[in-house]
Amino acid sequence: VPKGQLIGGLLGAFFVVVLVIVSPEIGVTATLISVIVGQLLIGSIIDHFGLFGGEKFPLDFKKGIALLLMLASIYIFQK
């Protein structure tokens, strides 16, 4: 197996460890919302630049506002 493919297992294990450590501190709901927002943010960046050979879908005003509102919801939820 190429070395580059092995990093997926290490990153997956790291992800699980981080979730186990963070969940008791900020709560399960905030943890899951943070994971979803992170995935949407990275997906928007990949779409905007057309990375990995994909079609470009520019990050427009509505998408930006939606991401900011989701980030704000995490902040408000914690307060």
Protein backbone atom coordinates (compact mmCIF):
# COMPACT_ATOMS: atom_id res chain seq x y z
CA VAL A 1 0.00 0.00 0.00
CA PRO A 2 1.39 3.44 -0.85
CA LYS A 3 2.43 5.49 2.17
CA GLY A 4 0.04 8.31 1.21
CA GLN A 5 -2.96 6.02 1.63
CA LEU A 6 -1.94 4.97 5.13
CA ILE A 7 -2.36 8.50 6.45
CA GLY A 8 -6.15 8.12 6.20
CA GLY A 9 -6.14 5.56 9.00
CA LEU A 10 -3.94 7.75 11.18
CA LEU A 11 -6.11 10.80 10.59
CA GLY A 12 -9.25 8.78 11.33
CA ALA A 13 -7.82 7.60 14.63
CA PHE A 14 -6.73 11.15 15.47
CA PHE A 15 -10.24 12.39 14.69
CA VAL A 16 -11.82 9.85 17.06
CA VAL A 17 -9.36 10.71 19.85
CA VAL A 18 -10.05 14.43 19.46
CA LEU A 19 -13.82 13.85 19.57
CA VAL A 20 -13.49 11.74 22.73
CA ILE A 21 -11.44 14.47 24.41
CA VAL A 22 -13.53 17.44 23.24
CA SER A 23 -17.05 16.05 23.70
CA PRO A 24 -17.08 16.16 27.52
CA GLU A 25 -15.72 19.71 27.47
CA ILE A 26 -18.13 21.40 25.03
CA GLY A 27 -20.94 18.83 24.78
CA VAL A 28 -22.02 16.37 22.15
CA THR A 29 -24.28 18.79 20.26
CA ALA A 30 -21.63 21.47 19.89
CA THR A 31 -19.09 18.83 18.89
CA LEU A 32 -21.31 17.45 16.13
CA ILE A 33 -22.27 20.92 14.89
CA SER A 34 -18.57 21.83 14.74
CA VAL A 35 -17.82 18.70 12.70
CA ILE A 36 -20.62 19.49 10.25
CA VAL A 37 -19.58 23.15 9.90
CA GLY A 38 -15.98 22.09 9.33
CA GLN A 39 -17.00 19.66 6.61
CA LEU A 40 -19.17 22.29 4.90
CA LEU A 41 -16.38 24.87 5.10
CA ILE A 42 -13.74 22.58 3.62
CA GLY A 43 -16.22 21.37 0.98
CA SER A 44 -16.96 24.97 0.00
CA ILE A 45 -13.24 25.71 -0.34
CA ILE A 46 -12.73 22.59 -2.48
CA ASP A 47 -15.70 23.56 -4.67
CA HIS A 48 -14.58 27.19 -4.96
CA PHE A 49 -11.13 26.32 -6.26
CA GLY A 50 -12.16 23.17 -8.14
CA LEU A 51 -9.63 21.06 -6.29
CA PHE A 52 -9.11 17.35 -7.03
CA GLY A 53 -10.24 17.83 -10.63
CA GLY A 54 -13.79 18.83 -9.73
CA GLU A 55 -15.96 21.48 -11.30
CA LYS A 56 -15.68 24.98 -9.84
CA PHE A 57 -18.64 26.29 -7.85
CA PRO A 58 -17.74 29.77 -6.62
CA LEU A 59 -18.30 30.75 -3.00
CA ASP A 60 -20.96 33.42 -3.35
CA PHE A 61 -22.50 35.80 -0.83
CA LYS A 62 -25.32 33.45 0.23
CA LYS A 63 -22.98 30.54 0.91
CA GLY A 64 -20.63 32.78 2.86
CA ILE A 65 -23.44 34.14 5.01
CA ALA A 66 -24.76 30.62 5.64
CA LEU A 67 -21.34 29.46 6.84
CA LEU A 68 -20.96 32.53 9.06
CA LEU A 69 -24.41 31.95 10.57
CA MET A 70 -23.52 28.34 11.34
CA LEU A 71 -20.30 29.47 13.03
CA ALA A 72 -22.29 32.06 14.98
CA SER A 73 -24.77 29.37 16.05
CA ILE A 74 -21.96 27.41 17.69
CA TYR A 75 -20.84 30.52 19.56
CA ILE A 76 -24.38 31.39 20.67
CA PHE A 77 -25.08 27.78 21.66
CA GLN A 78 -22.03 27.76 23.95
CA LYS A 79 -23.02 31.06 25.62
